[in-house]
Amino acid sequence: MTVITFLQAILDWLQADPAHVVVAASAVAALSPTPDPGSVAGKLYKVIDLLALNVLQAKDSGGKPNA
């Protein structure tokens, strides 16, 4: 399997059912550390959290903890 075939298989899987977008975004959100909210990665992470349906207090915001 080539890389292009693999990427095409992922795109086909995501297009097969809209729920797959939520599953994929949830996996990315769960496996990646929360970046600083002001950075470019933080803004992209907000979009991933929205696609993963992580709203309100579903996951830490990445800010400094109140100690």
Protein backbone atom coordinates (compact mmCIF):
# COMPACT_ATOMS: atom_id res chain seq x y z
CA MET A 1 0.00 0.00 0.00
CA THR A 2 1.47 3.34 -1.01
CA VAL A 3 1.11 6.54 0.97
CA ILE A 4 -1.29 7.98 -1.59
CA THR A 5 -3.48 4.88 -1.43
CA PHE A 6 -3.46 5.08 2.36
CA LEU A 7 -4.46 8.76 2.37
CA GLN A 8 -7.19 8.05 -0.19
CA ALA A 9 -8.53 5.26 2.03
CA ILE A 10 -8.69 7.69 4.98
CA LEU A 11 -10.54 10.29 2.89
CA ASP A 12 -12.98 7.64 1.65
CA TRP A 13 -13.58 6.54 5.25
CA LEU A 14 -14.27 10.11 6.37
CA GLN A 15 -16.67 10.73 3.48
CA ALA A 16 -18.57 7.49 4.05
CA ASP A 17 -20.29 8.75 7.19
CA PRO A 18 -20.18 12.20 8.86
CA ALA A 19 -19.79 10.52 12.25
CA HIS A 20 -16.31 9.44 11.19
CA VAL A 21 -15.23 13.10 11.31
CA VAL A 22 -16.21 13.21 14.99
CA VAL A 23 -14.36 9.96 15.68
CA ALA A 24 -11.19 11.14 13.94
CA ALA A 25 -11.27 14.58 15.61
CA SER A 26 -11.88 12.97 19.01
CA ALA A 27 -8.86 10.73 18.54
CA VAL A 28 -6.65 13.67 17.57
CA ALA A 29 -7.92 15.78 20.49
CA ALA A 30 -7.43 12.96 22.99
CA LEU A 31 -3.93 12.03 21.83
CA SER A 32 -2.46 15.51 21.46
CA PRO A 33 -1.44 17.89 24.23
CA THR A 34 -3.45 21.07 24.57
CA PRO A 35 -1.43 23.95 23.04
CA ASP A 36 -1.36 27.56 24.23
CA PRO A 37 -4.73 29.14 23.28
CA GLY A 38 -3.07 32.19 21.70
CA SER A 39 -0.88 30.27 19.25
CA VAL A 40 -1.73 29.15 15.73
CA ALA A 41 -1.81 25.56 16.97
CA GLY A 42 -4.23 26.64 19.69
CA LYS A 43 -6.60 28.13 17.14
CA LEU A 44 -6.45 24.96 15.03
CA TYR A 45 -6.99 22.91 18.19
CA LYS A 46 -10.22 24.84 18.87
CA VAL A 47 -11.52 23.75 15.47
CA ILE A 48 -10.54 20.14 16.18
CA ASP A 49 -12.29 20.33 19.58
CA LEU A 50 -15.41 21.70 17.90
CA LEU A 51 -15.40 18.88 15.33
CA ALA A 52 -14.85 16.38 18.16
CA LEU A 53 -17.86 17.83 20.01
CA ASN A 54 -15.64 18.73 22.97
CA VAL A 55 -17.57 21.71 24.31
CA LEU A 56 -17.75 23.55 27.63
CA GLN A 57 -15.54 21.75 30.17
CA ALA A 58 -15.01 18.53 28.22
CA LYS A 59 -11.22 19.04 28.22
CA ASP A 60 -8.76 21.47 29.79
CA SER A 61 -8.23 24.71 27.89
CA GLY A 62 -4.45 24.61 28.09
CA GLY A 63 -4.21 27.64 30.36
CA LYS A 64 -2.17 27.77 33.53
CA PRO A 65 -3.63 25.70 36.40
CA ASN A 66 -4.99 27.56 39.41
CA ALA A 67 -2.63 26.45 42.18
